[in-house]
Each structure stands twice: as structure tokens, then as C-alpha cells.
């Protein structure tokens, strides 16, 4: 007589994420995960982008002997107030920025962004609920201030309130 014992079934707690991608997300939720992913990659590349220095010689203007790019430190600073010429003038900064972004934009980083999104899901829900409560409170105050009913129609004051004030005063 052999008996098989089934393993105990443990209840799932909401804090435990059973897999890396536990739920299929809607398009807007996927966009939020992508935005978080891009933010994480930009944050990780911020040092490389802002502190880029060229090891090669700086090219000088033939007439004035001034550097063609001033202080190769920041792609954003180089590209400021340039439109068409930014890709050409700021090429070393752009290449450094792109190299870093490509190196950091991995599937592991995307999975980490997705996990962070799921970890902060309760926090976002609490923020939404607090925002909705503030909105309802402000709406109630607005209705009381302007004497509006639930439909937004102005409520006419009755003469009895005026009579009570005269009797008291």
C-alpha cells in the first residue's frame, strides 16, 4: 500500500511575482514599460554622454585656428540651437551617445524595467486613488461654493434662510 502525498498548495501573496512577465499588458501599459526602459537606459548612459572627451586631436578651423567643436563634453550642449548641422558638427558626441545606448539597451534591461513597473503597480494605484479623492473633494467644494446641485444646476435659495437671519440679527 503506497500512498502519494500531494505537495501543499501555498497561497500566492500579491508581493510575489511568479514569473518575469506574469501578465499580458495592454498597449498603454506596454508604453509605460517602454518609457521606463528608455529612462533607465538614458540614466545609465548619462555619465558617458556628459563626460565624453575625445582622445584624438581636436580639428581646428583653417582660418582662425579655433576648435571646430568647443569642449567635446555634451551632445545636448553641442546640438543646442542647431538643426540641420547637428549630426555633422556633433558627430563624435553623437557616436559616443549611440554606442552607450546600444550597449545598455539589452533584453535584461527591458526585463528589469518590466519588473520595476510591476513592483510599483500598487504605488501607482494608490496615487490614482488619492488623485481621485482630491478631485471629488474639490468638486464638492466647487458645488457648495457656487450653490450647485449634483447635475451642476444652480440651486435657488429659499426665503426662509433670509427670514431666519433677520430673526437672529
C-alpha atoms as a PDB file:
ATOM      1  CA  UNK A   1       0.000   0.000   0.000  1.00  0.00           C
ATOM      2  CA  UNK A   2       1.701   3.103  -1.196  1.00  0.00           C
ATOM      3  CA  UNK A   3       0.217   6.488  -0.697  1.00  0.00           C
ATOM      4  CA  UNK A   4       1.262   9.508  -2.604  1.00  0.00           C
ATOM      5  CA  UNK A   5       1.203  12.772  -0.842  1.00  0.00           C
ATOM      6  CA  UNK A   6       0.472  15.849  -2.853  1.00  0.00           C
ATOM      7  CA  UNK A   7       2.725  18.825  -2.231  1.00  0.00           C
ATOM      8  CA  UNK A   8       0.971  21.515  -0.186  1.00  0.00           C
ATOM      9  CA  UNK A   9      -0.521  24.323  -2.204  1.00  0.00           C
ATOM     10  CA  UNK A  10       0.786  27.643  -0.956  1.00  0.00           C
ATOM     11  CA  UNK A  11      -1.344  30.763  -1.330  1.00  0.00           C
ATOM     12  CA  UNK A  12       0.066  33.448  -3.613  1.00  0.00           C
ATOM     13  CA  UNK A  13       0.844  36.732  -1.980  1.00  0.00           C
ATOM     14  CA  UNK A  14       0.405  39.906  -4.062  1.00  0.00           C
ATOM     15  CA  UNK A  15       4.040  40.923  -3.436  1.00  0.00           C
ATOM     16  CA  UNK A  16       5.452  37.821  -5.162  1.00  0.00           C
ATOM     17  CA  UNK A  17       5.769  37.952  -8.911  1.00  0.00           C
ATOM     18  CA  UNK A  18       5.703  34.321 -10.133  1.00  0.00           C
ATOM     19  CA  UNK A  19       7.490  34.924 -13.440  1.00  0.00           C
ATOM     20  CA  UNK A  20       9.401  37.641 -15.218  1.00  0.00           C
ATOM     21  CA  UNK A  21       6.341  38.548 -17.329  1.00  0.00           C
ATOM     22  CA  UNK A  22       3.341  37.455 -15.274  1.00  0.00           C
ATOM     23  CA  UNK A  23       0.558  39.186 -17.171  1.00  0.00           C
ATOM     24  CA  UNK A  24      -0.062  40.306 -20.711  1.00  0.00           C
ATOM     25  CA  UNK A  25      -0.192  44.090 -20.701  1.00  0.00           C
ATOM     26  CA  UNK A  26      -2.388  46.473 -22.620  1.00  0.00           C
ATOM     27  CA  UNK A  27      -0.873  48.787 -25.220  1.00  0.00           C
ATOM     28  CA  UNK A  28      -0.811  51.750 -22.833  1.00  0.00           C
ATOM     29  CA  UNK A  29       0.817  49.650 -20.106  1.00  0.00           C
ATOM     30  CA  UNK A  30       3.432  48.396 -22.584  1.00  0.00           C
ATOM     31  CA  UNK A  31       4.127  52.033 -23.484  1.00  0.00           C
ATOM     32  CA  UNK A  32       4.648  52.824 -19.795  1.00  0.00           C
ATOM     33  CA  UNK A  33       7.119  49.913 -19.559  1.00  0.00           C
ATOM     34  CA  UNK A  34       8.927  51.173 -22.698  1.00  0.00           C
ATOM     35  CA  UNK A  35       9.122  54.697 -21.276  1.00  0.00           C
ATOM     36  CA  UNK A  36      10.583  53.290 -18.062  1.00  0.00           C
ATOM     37  CA  UNK A  37      13.045  51.203 -20.111  1.00  0.00           C
ATOM     38  CA  UNK A  38      14.191  54.225 -22.141  1.00  0.00           C
ATOM     39  CA  UNK A  39      14.541  56.278 -18.957  1.00  0.00           C
ATOM     40  CA  UNK A  40      16.682  53.551 -17.368  1.00  0.00           C
ATOM     41  CA  UNK A  41      18.948  53.352 -20.442  1.00  0.00           C
ATOM     42  CA  UNK A  42      19.328  57.141 -20.608  1.00  0.00           C
ATOM     43  CA  UNK A  43      20.121  57.249 -16.899  1.00  0.00           C
ATOM     44  CA  UNK A  44      22.778  54.571 -17.255  1.00  0.00           C
ATOM     45  CA  UNK A  45      24.346  56.422 -20.211  1.00  0.00           C
ATOM     46  CA  UNK A  46      24.193  59.895 -18.666  1.00  0.00           C
ATOM     47  CA  UNK A  47      27.787  59.727 -17.435  1.00  0.00           C
ATOM     48  CA  UNK A  48      29.169  58.643 -20.801  1.00  0.00           C
ATOM     49  CA  UNK A  49      27.199  61.292 -22.643  1.00  0.00           C
ATOM     50  CA  UNK A  50      28.061  64.201 -20.368  1.00  0.00           C
ATOM     51  CA  UNK A  51      31.708  63.359 -19.692  1.00  0.00           C
ATOM     52  CA  UNK A  52      32.761  62.421 -23.200  1.00  0.00           C
ATOM     53  CA  UNK A  53      36.257  63.648 -24.055  1.00  0.00           C
ATOM     54  CA  UNK A  54      37.996  62.976 -27.294  1.00  0.00           C
ATOM     55  CA  UNK A  55      41.355  61.223 -27.200  1.00  0.00           C
ATOM     56  CA  UNK A  56      42.088  62.294 -30.759  1.00  0.00           C
ATOM     57  CA  UNK A  57      43.284  65.737 -31.705  1.00  0.00           C
ATOM     58  CA  UNK A  58      40.612  68.404 -31.980  1.00  0.00           C
ATOM     59  CA  UNK A  59      40.191  69.644 -35.516  1.00  0.00           C
ATOM     60  CA  UNK A  60      40.916  73.367 -35.871  1.00  0.00           C
ATOM     61  CA  UNK A  61      39.319  75.848 -38.227  1.00  0.00           C
ATOM     62  CA  UNK A  62      41.809  76.606 -41.037  1.00  0.00           C
ATOM     63  CA  UNK A  63      41.391  80.397 -40.880  1.00  0.00           C
ATOM     64  CA  UNK A  64      41.013  81.179 -37.189  1.00  0.00           C
ATOM     65  CA  UNK A  65      42.766  78.203 -35.556  1.00  0.00           C
ATOM     66  CA  UNK A  66      39.763  77.873 -33.241  1.00  0.00           C
ATOM     67  CA  UNK A  67      38.392  74.419 -32.393  1.00  0.00           C
ATOM     68  CA  UNK A  68      35.540  73.377 -34.680  1.00  0.00           C
ATOM     69  CA  UNK A  69      33.723  71.850 -31.727  1.00  0.00           C
ATOM     70  CA  UNK A  70      34.037  73.603 -28.447  1.00  0.00           C
ATOM     71  CA  UNK A  71      34.856  71.346 -25.497  1.00  0.00           C
ATOM     72  CA  UNK A  72      33.633  67.928 -26.591  1.00  0.00           C
ATOM     73  CA  UNK A  73      31.660  67.270 -23.422  1.00  0.00           C
ATOM     74  CA  UNK A  74      27.957  67.013 -24.094  1.00  0.00           C
ATOM     75  CA  UNK A  75      25.874  66.039 -27.103  1.00  0.00           C
ATOM     76  CA  UNK A  76      22.898  68.034 -25.847  1.00  0.00           C
ATOM     77  CA  UNK A  77      25.000  71.192 -25.430  1.00  0.00           C
ATOM     78  CA  UNK A  78      26.538  70.687 -28.859  1.00  0.00           C
ATOM     79  CA  UNK A  79      23.181  70.139 -30.556  1.00  0.00           C
ATOM     80  CA  UNK A  80      21.542  73.136 -28.885  1.00  0.00           C
ATOM     81  CA  UNK A  81      20.405  75.735 -31.442  1.00  0.00           C
ATOM     82  CA  UNK A  82      21.494  73.524 -34.342  1.00  0.00           C
ATOM     83  CA  UNK A  83      19.029  71.885 -36.664  1.00  0.00           C
ATOM     84  CA  UNK A  84      20.400  70.506 -39.894  1.00  0.00           C
ATOM     85  CA  UNK A  85      24.083  70.696 -38.941  1.00  0.00           C
ATOM     86  CA  UNK A  86      23.827  68.884 -35.572  1.00  0.00           C
ATOM     87  CA  UNK A  87      24.530  65.390 -36.971  1.00  0.00           C
ATOM     88  CA  UNK A  88      27.660  66.659 -38.733  1.00  0.00           C
ATOM     89  CA  UNK A  89      29.080  69.088 -36.187  1.00  0.00           C
ATOM     90  CA  UNK A  90      28.313  66.918 -33.158  1.00  0.00           C
ATOM     91  CA  UNK A  91      29.283  63.594 -34.718  1.00  0.00           C
ATOM     92  CA  UNK A  92      31.801  62.453 -32.031  1.00  0.00           C
ATOM     93  CA  UNK A  93      29.341  63.199 -29.231  1.00  0.00           C
ATOM     94  CA  UNK A  94      26.503  61.501 -31.107  1.00  0.00           C
ATOM     95  CA  UNK A  95      28.583  58.388 -31.756  1.00  0.00           C
ATOM     96  CA  UNK A  96      29.600  58.174 -28.099  1.00  0.00           C
ATOM     97  CA  UNK A  97      25.990  58.568 -27.023  1.00  0.00           C
ATOM     98  CA  UNK A  98      24.717  55.960 -29.510  1.00  0.00           C
ATOM     99  CA  UNK A  99      27.456  53.474 -28.587  1.00  0.00           C
ATOM    100  CA  UNK A 100      26.488  53.679 -24.939  1.00  0.00           C
ATOM    101  CA  UNK A 101      22.761  53.444 -25.663  1.00  0.00           C
ATOM    102  CA  UNK A 102      23.207  50.386 -27.885  1.00  0.00           C
ATOM    103  CA  UNK A 103      25.432  48.697 -25.309  1.00  0.00           C
ATOM    104  CA  UNK A 104      22.949  49.326 -22.476  1.00  0.00           C
ATOM    105  CA  UNK A 105      19.725  48.626 -24.397  1.00  0.00           C
ATOM    106  CA  UNK A 106      19.554  44.893 -23.705  1.00  0.00           C
ATOM    107  CA  UNK A 107      16.764  42.416 -23.097  1.00  0.00           C
ATOM    108  CA  UNK A 108      17.902  42.167 -19.470  1.00  0.00           C
ATOM    109  CA  UNK A 109      17.400  45.928 -19.068  1.00  0.00           C
ATOM    110  CA  UNK A 110      13.955  45.633 -20.625  1.00  0.00           C
ATOM    111  CA  UNK A 111      13.072  42.800 -18.236  1.00  0.00           C
ATOM    112  CA  UNK A 112      14.336  44.890 -15.307  1.00  0.00           C
ATOM    113  CA  UNK A 113      12.114  47.792 -16.434  1.00  0.00           C
ATOM    114  CA  UNK A 114       9.126  45.445 -16.657  1.00  0.00           C
ATOM    115  CA  UNK A 115       9.826  44.100 -13.156  1.00  0.00           C
ATOM    116  CA  UNK A 116      10.128  47.660 -11.833  1.00  0.00           C
ATOM    117  CA  UNK A 117       6.790  48.514 -13.464  1.00  0.00           C
ATOM    118  CA  UNK A 118       5.106  45.554 -11.751  1.00  0.00           C
ATOM    119  CA  UNK A 119       6.798  46.404  -8.431  1.00  0.00           C
ATOM    120  CA  UNK A 120       5.438  49.963  -8.498  1.00  0.00           C
ATOM    121  CA  UNK A 121       1.937  48.939  -9.601  1.00  0.00           C
ATOM    122  CA  UNK A 122       0.464  49.313  -6.085  1.00  0.00           C
ATOM    123  CA  UNK A 123       2.116  52.711  -5.633  1.00  0.00           C
ATOM    124  CA  UNK A 124       0.595  53.987  -8.904  1.00  0.00           C
ATOM    125  CA  UNK A 125      -2.828  52.641  -7.854  1.00  0.00           C
ATOM    126  CA  UNK A 126      -2.580  54.475  -4.521  1.00  0.00           C
ATOM    127  CA  UNK A 127      -1.573  57.693  -6.314  1.00  0.00           C
ATOM    128  CA  UNK A 128      -4.563  57.346  -8.673  1.00  0.00           C
ATOM    129  CA  UNK A 129      -6.933  56.790  -5.754  1.00  0.00           C
ATOM    130  CA  UNK A 130      -5.542  59.805  -3.870  1.00  0.00           C
ATOM    131  CA  UNK A 131      -5.862  61.953  -7.001  1.00  0.00           C
ATOM    132  CA  UNK A 132      -9.469  60.830  -7.483  1.00  0.00           C
ATOM    133  CA  UNK A 133     -10.262  61.596  -3.823  1.00  0.00           C
ATOM    134  CA  UNK A 134      -8.774  65.115  -4.203  1.00  0.00           C
ATOM    135  CA  UNK A 135     -10.803  65.637  -7.366  1.00  0.00           C
ATOM    136  CA  UNK A 136     -14.038  64.621  -5.644  1.00  0.00           C
ATOM    137  CA  UNK A 137     -13.260  66.861  -2.670  1.00  0.00           C
ATOM    138  CA  UNK A 138     -12.578  69.840  -4.961  1.00  0.00           C
ATOM    139  CA  UNK A 139     -15.738  69.131  -6.937  1.00  0.00           C
ATOM    140  CA  UNK A 140     -17.777  69.072  -3.714  1.00  0.00           C
ATOM    141  CA  UNK A 141     -16.234  72.365  -2.595  1.00  0.00           C
ATOM    142  CA  UNK A 142     -16.968  73.910  -6.010  1.00  0.00           C
ATOM    143  CA  UNK A 143     -20.624  72.826  -5.832  1.00  0.00           C
ATOM    144  CA  UNK A 144     -21.022  74.204  -2.311  1.00  0.00           C
ATOM    145  CA  UNK A 145     -19.287  77.471  -3.182  1.00  0.00           C
ATOM    146  CA  UNK A 146     -21.434  78.169  -6.226  1.00  0.00           C
ATOM    147  CA  UNK A 147     -24.636  76.636  -4.847  1.00  0.00           C
ATOM    148  CA  UNK A 148     -24.890  73.869  -7.445  1.00  0.00           C
ATOM    149  CA  UNK A 149     -26.728  70.575  -7.226  1.00  0.00           C
ATOM    150  CA  UNK A 150     -25.380  67.199  -8.404  1.00  0.00           C
ATOM    151  CA  UNK A 151     -26.288  67.987 -12.024  1.00  0.00           C
ATOM    152  CA  UNK A 152     -24.479  71.324 -11.964  1.00  0.00           C
ATOM    153  CA  UNK A 153     -27.675  73.406 -11.887  1.00  0.00           C
ATOM    154  CA  UNK A 154     -27.802  76.419  -9.616  1.00  0.00           C
ATOM    155  CA  UNK A 155     -29.963  75.886  -6.555  1.00  0.00           C
ATOM    156  CA  UNK A 156     -32.154  78.847  -5.671  1.00  0.00           C
ATOM    157  CA  UNK A 157     -32.111  79.903  -2.034  1.00  0.00           C
ATOM    158  CA  UNK A 158     -35.447  79.948  -0.317  1.00  0.00           C
ATOM    159  CA  UNK A 159     -36.730  82.958   1.569  1.00  0.00           C
ATOM    160  CA  UNK A 160     -36.757  81.022   4.831  1.00  0.00           C
ATOM    161  CA  UNK A 161     -32.961  81.413   5.205  1.00  0.00           C
ATOM    162  CA  UNK A 162     -33.228  85.191   4.870  1.00  0.00           C
ATOM    163  CA  UNK A 163     -36.059  85.270   7.388  1.00  0.00           C
ATOM    164  CA  UNK A 164     -34.031  83.230   9.895  1.00  0.00           C
ATOM    165  CA  UNK A 165     -31.107  85.669   9.584  1.00  0.00           C
ATOM    166  CA  UNK A 166     -33.432  88.627  10.260  1.00  0.00           C
ATOM    167  CA  UNK A 167     -34.926  86.889  13.284  1.00  0.00           C
ATOM    168  CA  UNK A 168     -31.481  86.135  14.728  1.00  0.00           C
ATOM    169  CA  UNK A 169     -29.980  89.543  13.963  1.00  0.00           C
END
